[in-house]
Amino acid sequence: YQLDYPFYEILFALDNWNDQACEVIRKVA
């Protein structure tokens, strides 16, 4: 999220919404 590049998006794919990483992703986003 701190890249110098001007035009980009980030997509994440999880197996399911219960993955613990989901909360971390939302916090950072």
PDB file of all heavy atoms in Angstrom:
ATOM      1  N   TYR A   1       0.818  -1.211   0.000  1.00  0.00           N
ATOM      2  CA  TYR A   1       0.000   0.000   0.000  1.00  0.00           C
ATOM      3  C   TYR A   1       0.856   1.267   0.000  1.00  0.00           C
ATOM      4  O   TYR A   1       0.327   2.367  -0.140  1.00  0.00           O
ATOM      5  CB  TYR A   1      -0.935   0.000   1.208  1.00  0.00           C
ATOM      6  CG  TYR A   1      -2.129  -0.907   1.046  1.00  0.00           C
ATOM      7  CD1 TYR A   1      -2.068  -2.235   1.454  1.00  0.00           C
ATOM      8  CD2 TYR A   1      -3.306  -0.446   0.480  1.00  0.00           C
ATOM      9  CE1 TYR A   1      -3.158  -3.075   1.306  1.00  0.00           C
ATOM     10  CE2 TYR A   1      -4.403  -1.286   0.320  1.00  0.00           C
ATOM     11  CZ  TYR A   1      -4.319  -2.603   0.730  1.00  0.00           C
ATOM     12  OH  TYR A   1      -5.408  -3.438   0.565  1.00  0.00           O
ATOM     13  N   GLN A   2       2.161   1.110   0.160  1.00  0.00           N
ATOM     14  CA  GLN A   2       3.072   2.251   0.205  1.00  0.00           C
ATOM     15  C   GLN A   2       3.938   2.358  -1.048  1.00  0.00           C
ATOM     16  O   GLN A   2       4.949   3.041  -1.053  1.00  0.00           O
ATOM     17  CB  GLN A   2       3.962   2.140   1.447  1.00  0.00           C
ATOM     18  CG  GLN A   2       3.180   2.217   2.744  1.00  0.00           C
ATOM     19  CD  GLN A   2       4.030   1.941   3.974  1.00  0.00           C
ATOM     20  OE1 GLN A   2       5.130   1.401   3.868  1.00  0.00           O
ATOM     21  NE2 GLN A   2       3.530   2.313   5.141  1.00  0.00           N
ATOM     22  N   LEU A   3       3.515   1.714  -2.116  1.00  0.00           N
ATOM     23  CA  LEU A   3       4.255   1.774  -3.377  1.00  0.00           C
ATOM     24  C   LEU A   3       4.188   3.175  -3.984  1.00  0.00           C
ATOM     25  O   LEU A   3       3.173   3.865  -3.864  1.00  0.00           O
ATOM     26  CB  LEU A   3       3.685   0.760  -4.371  1.00  0.00           C
ATOM     27  CG  LEU A   3       3.893  -0.724  -4.036  1.00  0.00           C
ATOM     28  CD1 LEU A   3       2.994  -1.590  -4.905  1.00  0.00           C
ATOM     29  CD2 LEU A   3       5.358  -1.116  -4.213  1.00  0.00           C
ATOM     30  N   ASP A   4       5.268   3.571  -4.666  1.00  0.00           N
ATOM     31  CA  ASP A   4       5.308   4.869  -5.346  1.00  0.00           C
ATOM     32  C   ASP A   4       4.462   4.888  -6.619  1.00  0.00           C
ATOM     33  O   ASP A   4       4.158   5.944  -7.149  1.00  0.00           O
ATOM     34  CB  ASP A   4       6.755   5.226  -5.721  1.00  0.00           C
ATOM     35  CG  ASP A   4       7.619   5.489  -4.495  1.00  0.00           C
ATOM     36  OD1 ASP A   4       7.048   5.812  -3.436  1.00  0.00           O
ATOM     37  OD2 ASP A   4       8.852   5.366  -4.600  1.00  0.00           O
ATOM     38  N   TYR A   5       4.125   3.720  -7.098  1.00  0.00           N
ATOM     39  CA  TYR A   5       3.416   3.589  -8.369  1.00  0.00           C
ATOM     40  C   TYR A   5       2.019   4.212  -8.264  1.00  0.00           C
ATOM     41  O   TYR A   5       1.298   3.985  -7.287  1.00  0.00           O
ATOM     42  CB  TYR A   5       3.309   2.114  -8.743  1.00  0.00           C
ATOM     43  CG  TYR A   5       3.085   1.848 -10.192  1.00  0.00           C
ATOM     44  CD1 TYR A   5       4.145   1.835 -11.088  1.00  0.00           C
ATOM     45  CD2 TYR A   5       1.811   1.601 -10.692  1.00  0.00           C
ATOM     46  CE1 TYR A   5       3.935   1.584 -12.443  1.00  0.00           C
ATOM     47  CE2 TYR A   5       1.592   1.349 -12.028  1.00  0.00           C
ATOM     48  CZ  TYR A   5       2.667   1.338 -12.899  1.00  0.00           C
ATOM     49  OH  TYR A   5       2.457   1.092 -14.231  1.00  0.00           O
ATOM     50  N   PRO A   6       1.583   4.986  -9.272  1.00  0.00           N
ATOM     51  CA  PRO A   6       0.333   5.751  -9.124  1.00  0.00           C
ATOM     52  C   PRO A   6      -0.956   4.988  -9.408  1.00  0.00           C
ATOM     53  O   PRO A   6      -1.995   5.289  -8.820  1.00  0.00           O
ATOM     54  CB  PRO A   6       0.501   6.895 -10.124  1.00  0.00           C
ATOM     55  CG  PRO A   6       1.376   6.329 -11.184  1.00  0.00           C
ATOM     56  CD  PRO A   6       2.310   5.387 -10.481  1.00  0.00           C
ATOM     57  N   PHE A   7      -0.920   4.027 -10.337  1.00  0.00           N
ATOM     58  CA  PHE A   7      -2.165   3.398 -10.785  1.00  0.00           C
ATOM     59  C   PHE A   7      -2.134   1.899 -10.500  1.00  0.00           C
ATOM     60  O   PHE A   7      -1.656   1.113 -11.326  1.00  0.00           O
ATOM     61  CB  PHE A   7      -2.391   3.630 -12.281  1.00  0.00           C
ATOM     62  CG  PHE A   7      -2.339   5.065 -12.684  1.00  0.00           C
ATOM     63  CD1 PHE A   7      -1.512   5.478 -13.718  1.00  0.00           C
ATOM     64  CD2 PHE A   7      -3.115   6.014 -12.028  1.00  0.00           C
ATOM     65  CE1 PHE A   7      -1.459   6.809 -14.096  1.00  0.00           C
ATOM     66  CE2 PHE A   7      -3.074   7.353 -12.398  1.00  0.00           C
ATOM     67  CZ  PHE A   7      -2.233   7.752 -13.426  1.00  0.00           C
ATOM     68  N   TYR A   8      -2.636   1.521  -9.351  1.00  0.00           N
ATOM     69  CA  TYR A   8      -2.685   0.091  -9.049  1.00  0.00           C
ATOM     70  C   TYR A   8      -3.821  -0.205  -8.081  1.00  0.00           C
ATOM     71  O   TYR A   8      -4.328   0.659  -7.377  1.00  0.00           O
ATOM     72  CB  TYR A   8      -1.358  -0.411  -8.491  1.00  0.00           C
ATOM     73  CG  TYR A   8      -1.008   0.043  -7.092  1.00  0.00           C
ATOM     74  CD1 TYR A   8      -1.282  -0.764  -5.990  1.00  0.00           C
ATOM     75  CD2 TYR A   8      -0.369   1.265  -6.853  1.00  0.00           C
ATOM     76  CE1 TYR A   8      -0.948  -0.378  -4.702  1.00  0.00           C
ATOM     77  CE2 TYR A   8      -0.031   1.670  -5.577  1.00  0.00           C
ATOM     78  CZ  TYR A   8      -0.331   0.850  -4.501  1.00  0.00           C
ATOM     79  OH  TYR A   8       0.005   1.240  -3.226  1.00  0.00           O
ATOM     80  N   GLU A   9      -4.229  -1.460  -8.111  1.00  0.00           N
ATOM     81  CA  GLU A   9      -5.226  -1.978  -7.176  1.00  0.00           C
ATOM     82  C   GLU A   9      -4.665  -3.265  -6.575  1.00  0.00           C
ATOM     83  O   GLU A   9      -3.734  -3.862  -7.115  1.00  0.00           O
ATOM     84  CB  GLU A   9      -6.548  -2.257  -7.894  1.00  0.00           C
ATOM     85  CG  GLU A   9      -6.432  -3.310  -8.982  1.00  0.00           C
ATOM     86  CD  GLU A   9      -7.762  -3.614  -9.670  1.00  0.00           C
ATOM     87  OE1 GLU A   9      -8.779  -3.045  -9.258  1.00  0.00           O
ATOM     88  OE2 GLU A   9      -7.758  -4.434 -10.623  1.00  0.00           O
ATOM     89  N   ILE A  10      -5.236  -3.681  -5.444  1.00  0.00           N
ATOM     90  CA  ILE A  10      -4.785  -4.907  -4.786  1.00  0.00           C
ATOM     91  C   ILE A  10      -5.973  -5.827  -4.593  1.00  0.00           C
ATOM     92  O   ILE A  10      -7.014  -5.418  -4.044  1.00  0.00           O
ATOM     93  CB  ILE A  10      -4.120  -4.618  -3.431  1.00  0.00           C
ATOM     94  CG1 ILE A  10      -3.001  -3.578  -3.587  1.00  0.00           C
ATOM     95  CG2 ILE A  10      -3.566  -5.909  -2.839  1.00  0.00           C
ATOM     96  CD1 ILE A  10      -2.300  -3.227  -2.287  1.00  0.00           C
ATOM     97  N   LEU A  11      -5.818  -7.075  -5.049  1.00  0.00           N
ATOM     98  CA  LEU A  11      -6.858  -8.086  -4.881  1.00  0.00           C
ATOM     99  C   LEU A  11      -6.326  -9.218  -4.011  1.00  0.00           C
ATOM    100  O   LEU A  11      -5.188  -9.681  -4.209  1.00  0.00           O
ATOM    101  CB  LEU A  11      -7.311  -8.641  -6.225  1.00  0.00           C
ATOM    102  CG  LEU A  11      -8.057  -7.671  -7.156  1.00  0.00           C
ATOM    103  CD1 LEU A  11      -7.074  -6.913  -8.048  1.00  0.00           C
ATOM    104  CD2 LEU A  11      -9.073  -8.423  -8.021  1.00  0.00           C
ATOM    105  N   PHE A  12      -7.132  -9.649  -3.060  1.00  0.00           N
ATOM    106  CA  PHE A  12      -6.783 -10.750  -2.172  1.00  0.00           C
ATOM    107  C   PHE A  12      -7.767 -11.892  -2.384  1.00  0.00           C
ATOM    108  O   PHE A  12      -8.965 -11.658  -2.598  1.00  0.00           O
ATOM    109  CB  PHE A  12      -6.842 -10.308  -0.712  1.00  0.00           C
ATOM    110  CG  PHE A  12      -5.909  -9.190  -0.356  1.00  0.00           C
ATOM    111  CD1 PHE A  12      -6.341  -7.868  -0.408  1.00  0.00           C
ATOM    112  CD2 PHE A  12      -4.599  -9.446   0.020  1.00  0.00           C
ATOM    113  CE1 PHE A  12      -5.489  -6.829  -0.079  1.00  0.00           C
ATOM    114  CE2 PHE A  12      -3.740  -8.409   0.340  1.00  0.00           C
ATOM    115  CZ  PHE A  12      -4.178  -7.098   0.293  1.00  0.00           C
ATOM    116  N   ALA A  13      -7.258 -13.130  -2.306  1.00  0.00           N
ATOM    117  CA  ALA A  13      -8.135 -14.300  -2.406  1.00  0.00           C
ATOM    118  C   ALA A  13      -7.850 -15.237  -1.241  1.00  0.00           C
ATOM    119  O   ALA A  13      -6.711 -15.648  -1.016  1.00  0.00           O
ATOM    120  CB  ALA A  13      -7.909 -15.022  -3.734  1.00  0.00           C
ATOM    121  N   LEU A  14      -8.900 -15.551  -0.481  1.00  0.00           N
ATOM    122  CA  LEU A  14      -8.840 -16.466   0.651  1.00  0.00           C
ATOM    123  C   LEU A  14      -9.700 -17.686   0.366  1.00  0.00           C
ATOM    124  O   LEU A  14     -10.614 -17.630  -0.470  1.00  0.00           O
ATOM    125  CB  LEU A  14      -9.361 -15.772   1.916  1.00  0.00           C
ATOM    126  CG  LEU A  14      -8.758 -14.422   2.276  1.00  0.00           C
ATOM    127  CD1 LEU A  14      -9.666 -13.688   3.255  1.00  0.00           C
ATOM    128  CD2 LEU A  14      -7.385 -14.602   2.876  1.00  0.00           C
ATOM    129  N   ASP A  15      -9.447 -18.778   1.071  1.00  0.00           N
ATOM    130  CA  ASP A  15     -10.324 -19.945   0.931  1.00  0.00           C
ATOM    131  C   ASP A  15     -11.731 -19.618   1.420  1.00  0.00           C
ATOM    132  O   ASP A  15     -12.727 -19.991   0.793  1.00  0.00           O
ATOM    133  CB  ASP A  15      -9.763 -21.123   1.725  1.00  0.00           C
ATOM    134  CG  ASP A  15      -8.578 -21.774   1.039  1.00  0.00           C
ATOM    135  OD1 ASP A  15      -8.334 -21.467  -0.143  1.00  0.00           O
ATOM    136  OD2 ASP A  15      -7.886 -22.584   1.674  1.00  0.00           O
ATOM    137  N   ASN A  16     -11.814 -18.934   2.567  1.00  0.00           N
ATOM    138  CA  ASN A  16     -13.111 -18.596   3.140  1.00  0.00           C
ATOM    139  C   ASN A  16     -12.973 -17.375   4.037  1.00  0.00           C
ATOM    140  O   ASN A  16     -11.858 -16.951   4.368  1.00  0.00           O
ATOM    141  CB  ASN A  16     -13.694 -19.789   3.915  1.00  0.00           C
ATOM    142  CG  ASN A  16     -12.731 -20.280   4.995  1.00  0.00           C
ATOM    143  OD1 ASN A  16     -12.476 -19.586   5.980  1.00  0.00           O
ATOM    144  ND2 ASN A  16     -12.197 -21.482   4.809  1.00  0.00           N
ATOM    145  N   TRP A  17     -14.110 -16.836   4.465  1.00  0.00           N
ATOM    146  CA  TRP A  17     -14.096 -15.608   5.265  1.00  0.00           C
ATOM    147  C   TRP A  17     -13.624 -15.853   6.694  1.00  0.00           C
ATOM    148  O   TRP A  17     -13.373 -14.896   7.436  1.00  0.00           O
ATOM    149  CB  TRP A  17     -15.489 -14.979   5.291  1.00  0.00           C
ATOM    150  CG  TRP A  17     -15.967 -14.549   3.944  1.00  0.00           C
ATOM    151  CD1 TRP A  17     -17.024 -15.053   3.248  1.00  0.00           C
ATOM    152  CD2 TRP A  17     -15.412 -13.522   3.115  1.00  0.00           C
ATOM    153  NE1 TRP A  17     -17.170 -14.407   2.035  1.00  0.00           N
ATOM    154  CE2 TRP A  17     -16.187 -13.463   1.926  1.00  0.00           C
ATOM    155  CE3 TRP A  17     -14.332 -12.640   3.257  1.00  0.00           C
ATOM    156  CZ2 TRP A  17     -15.923 -12.570   0.891  1.00  0.00           C
ATOM    157  CZ3 TRP A  17     -14.066 -11.753   2.228  1.00  0.00           C
ATOM    158  CH2 TRP A  17     -14.845 -11.714   1.066  1.00  0.00           C
ATOM    159  N   ASN A  18     -13.493 -17.094   7.117  1.00  0.00           N
ATOM    160  CA  ASN A  18     -13.037 -17.399   8.471  1.00  0.00           C
ATOM    161  C   ASN A  18     -11.518 -17.388   8.599  1.00  0.00           C
ATOM    162  O   ASN A  18     -10.997 -17.535   9.706  1.00  0.00           O
ATOM    163  CB  ASN A  18     -13.571 -18.771   8.913  1.00  0.00           C
ATOM    164  CG  ASN A  18     -15.080 -18.791   9.026  1.00  0.00           C
ATOM    165  OD1 ASN A  18     -15.687 -17.799   9.435  1.00  0.00           O
ATOM    166  ND2 ASN A  18     -15.691 -19.910   8.657  1.00  0.00           N
ATOM    167  N   ASP A  19     -10.828 -17.237   7.487  1.00  0.00           N
ATOM    168  CA  ASP A  19      -9.362 -17.183   7.531  1.00  0.00           C
ATOM    169  C   ASP A  19      -8.923 -15.999   8.398  1.00  0.00           C
ATOM    170  O   ASP A  19      -9.416 -14.878   8.242  1.00  0.00           O
ATOM    171  CB  ASP A  19      -8.808 -17.030   6.110  1.00  0.00           C
ATOM    172  CG  ASP A  19      -7.313 -17.283   6.040  1.00  0.00           C
ATOM    173  OD1 ASP A  19      -6.563 -16.691   6.841  1.00  0.00           O
ATOM    174  OD2 ASP A  19      -6.902 -18.061   5.170  1.00  0.00           O
ATOM    175  N   GLN A  20      -7.999 -16.252   9.335  1.00  0.00           N
ATOM    176  CA  GLN A  20      -7.530 -15.200  10.232  1.00  0.00           C
ATOM    177  C   GLN A  20      -6.896 -14.031   9.491  1.00  0.00           C
ATOM    178  O   GLN A  20      -6.867 -12.908   9.993  1.00  0.00           O
ATOM    179  CB  GLN A  20      -6.519 -15.781  11.230  1.00  0.00           C
ATOM    180  CG  GLN A  20      -7.123 -16.734  12.242  1.00  0.00           C
ATOM    181  CD  GLN A  20      -6.070 -17.320  13.153  1.00  0.00           C
ATOM    182  OE1 GLN A  20      -5.215 -18.097  12.725  1.00  0.00           O
ATOM    183  NE2 GLN A  20      -6.116 -16.950  14.415  1.00  0.00           N
ATOM    184  N   ALA A  21      -6.385 -14.289   8.294  1.00  0.00           N
ATOM    185  CA  ALA A  21      -5.750 -13.220   7.527  1.00  0.00           C
ATOM    186  C   ALA A  21      -6.753 -12.168   7.081  1.00  0.00           C
ATOM    187  O   ALA A  21      -6.371 -11.022   6.811  1.00  0.00           O
ATOM    188  CB  ALA A  21      -5.030 -13.804   6.312  1.00  0.00           C
ATOM    189  N   CYS A  22      -8.028 -12.528   7.011  1.00  0.00           N
ATOM    190  CA  CYS A  22      -9.049 -11.600   6.514  1.00  0.00           C
ATOM    191  C   CYS A  22      -9.110 -10.336   7.371  1.00  0.00           C
ATOM    192  O   CYS A  22      -9.186  -9.217   6.852  1.00  0.00           O
ATOM    193  CB  CYS A  22     -10.404 -12.290   6.480  1.00  0.00           C
ATOM    194  SG  CYS A  22     -11.698 -11.311   5.698  1.00  0.00           S
ATOM    195  N   GLU A  23      -9.049 -10.495   8.675  1.00  0.00           N
ATOM    196  CA  GLU A  23      -9.102  -9.337   9.578  1.00  0.00           C
ATOM    197  C   GLU A  23      -7.886  -8.442   9.379  1.00  0.00           C
ATOM    198  O   GLU A  23      -7.994  -7.215   9.408  1.00  0.00           O
ATOM    199  CB  GLU A  23      -9.177  -9.823  11.020  1.00  0.00           C
ATOM    200  CG  GLU A  23      -9.277  -8.697  12.037  1.00  0.00           C
ATOM    201  CD  GLU A  23      -9.368  -9.202  13.468  1.00  0.00           C
ATOM    202  OE1 GLU A  23      -9.578 -10.422  13.664  1.00  0.00           O
ATOM    203  OE2 GLU A  23      -9.215  -8.391  14.396  1.00  0.00           O
ATOM    204  N   VAL A  24      -6.728  -9.057   9.174  1.00  0.00           N
ATOM    205  CA  VAL A  24      -5.500  -8.279   8.962  1.00  0.00           C
ATOM    206  C   VAL A  24      -5.604  -7.486   7.654  1.00  0.00           C
ATOM    207  O   VAL A  24      -5.232  -6.306   7.596  1.00  0.00           O
ATOM    208  CB  VAL A  24      -4.271  -9.208   8.932  1.00  0.00           C
ATOM    209  CG1 VAL A  24      -2.994  -8.401   8.681  1.00  0.00           C
ATOM    210  CG2 VAL A  24      -4.156  -9.993  10.234  1.00  0.00           C
ATOM    211  N   ILE A  25      -6.104  -8.115   6.614  1.00  0.00           N
ATOM    212  CA  ILE A  25      -6.252  -7.434   5.317  1.00  0.00           C
ATOM    213  C   ILE A  25      -7.156  -6.217   5.454  1.00  0.00           C
ATOM    214  O   ILE A  25      -6.829  -5.120   4.982  1.00  0.00           O
ATOM    215  CB  ILE A  25      -6.816  -8.407   4.258  1.00  0.00           C
ATOM    216  CG1 ILE A  25      -5.835  -9.539   3.985  1.00  0.00           C
ATOM    217  CG2 ILE A  25      -7.137  -7.659   2.965  1.00  0.00           C
ATOM    218  CD1 ILE A  25      -6.415 -10.666   3.150  1.00  0.00           C
ATOM    219  N   ARG A  26      -8.289  -6.399   6.099  1.00  0.00           N
ATOM    220  CA  ARG A  26      -9.237  -5.299   6.252  1.00  0.00           C
ATOM    221  C   ARG A  26      -8.647  -4.166   7.085  1.00  0.00           C
ATOM    222  O   ARG A  26      -8.887  -2.982   6.799  1.00  0.00           O
ATOM    223  CB  ARG A  26     -10.527  -5.820   6.880  1.00  0.00           C
ATOM    224  CG  ARG A  26     -11.371  -6.630   5.890  1.00  0.00           C
ATOM    225  CD  ARG A  26     -12.559  -7.272   6.560  1.00  0.00           C
ATOM    226  NE  ARG A  26     -13.472  -7.850   5.551  1.00  0.00           N
ATOM    227  CZ  ARG A  26     -14.366  -8.779   5.815  1.00  0.00           C
ATOM    228  NH1 ARG A  26     -14.473  -9.258   7.044  1.00  0.00           N
ATOM    229  NH2 ARG A  26     -15.153  -9.239   4.858  1.00  0.00           N
ATOM    230  N   LYS A  27      -7.891  -4.517   8.098  1.00  0.00           N
ATOM    231  CA  LYS A  27      -7.265  -3.496   8.943  1.00  0.00           C
ATOM    232  C   LYS A  27      -6.293  -2.652   8.131  1.00  0.00           C
ATOM    233  O   LYS A  27      -6.285  -1.412   8.220  1.00  0.00           O
ATOM    234  CB  LYS A  27      -6.534  -4.167  10.109  1.00  0.00           C
ATOM    235  CG  LYS A  27      -5.780  -3.205  11.016  1.00  0.00           C
ATOM    236  CD  LYS A  27      -5.025  -3.959  12.105  1.00  0.00           C
ATOM    237  CE  LYS A  27      -4.178  -3.006  12.941  1.00  0.00           C
ATOM    238  NZ  LYS A  27      -3.401  -3.741  13.977  1.00  0.00           N
ATOM    239  N   VAL A  28      -5.454  -3.305   7.325  1.00  0.00           N
ATOM    240  CA  VAL A  28      -4.472  -2.571   6.523  1.00  0.00           C
ATOM    241  C   VAL A  28      -5.166  -1.763   5.431  1.00  0.00           C
ATOM    242  O   VAL A  28      -4.844  -0.582   5.210  1.00  0.00           O
ATOM    243  CB  VAL A  28      -3.447  -3.544   5.908  1.00  0.00           C
ATOM    244  CG1 VAL A  28      -2.495  -2.814   4.973  1.00  0.00           C
ATOM    245  CG2 VAL A  28      -2.653  -4.261   6.997  1.00  0.00           C
ATOM    246  N   ALA A  29      -6.124  -2.363   4.752  1.00  0.00           N
ATOM    247  CA  ALA A  29      -6.820  -1.669   3.663  1.00  0.00           C
ATOM    248  C   ALA A  29      -7.529  -0.414   4.165  1.00  0.00           C
ATOM    249  O   ALA A  29      -7.591   0.602   3.453  1.00  0.00           O
ATOM    250  CB  ALA A  29      -7.811  -2.613   2.994  1.00  0.00           C
TER     251      ALA A  29
END
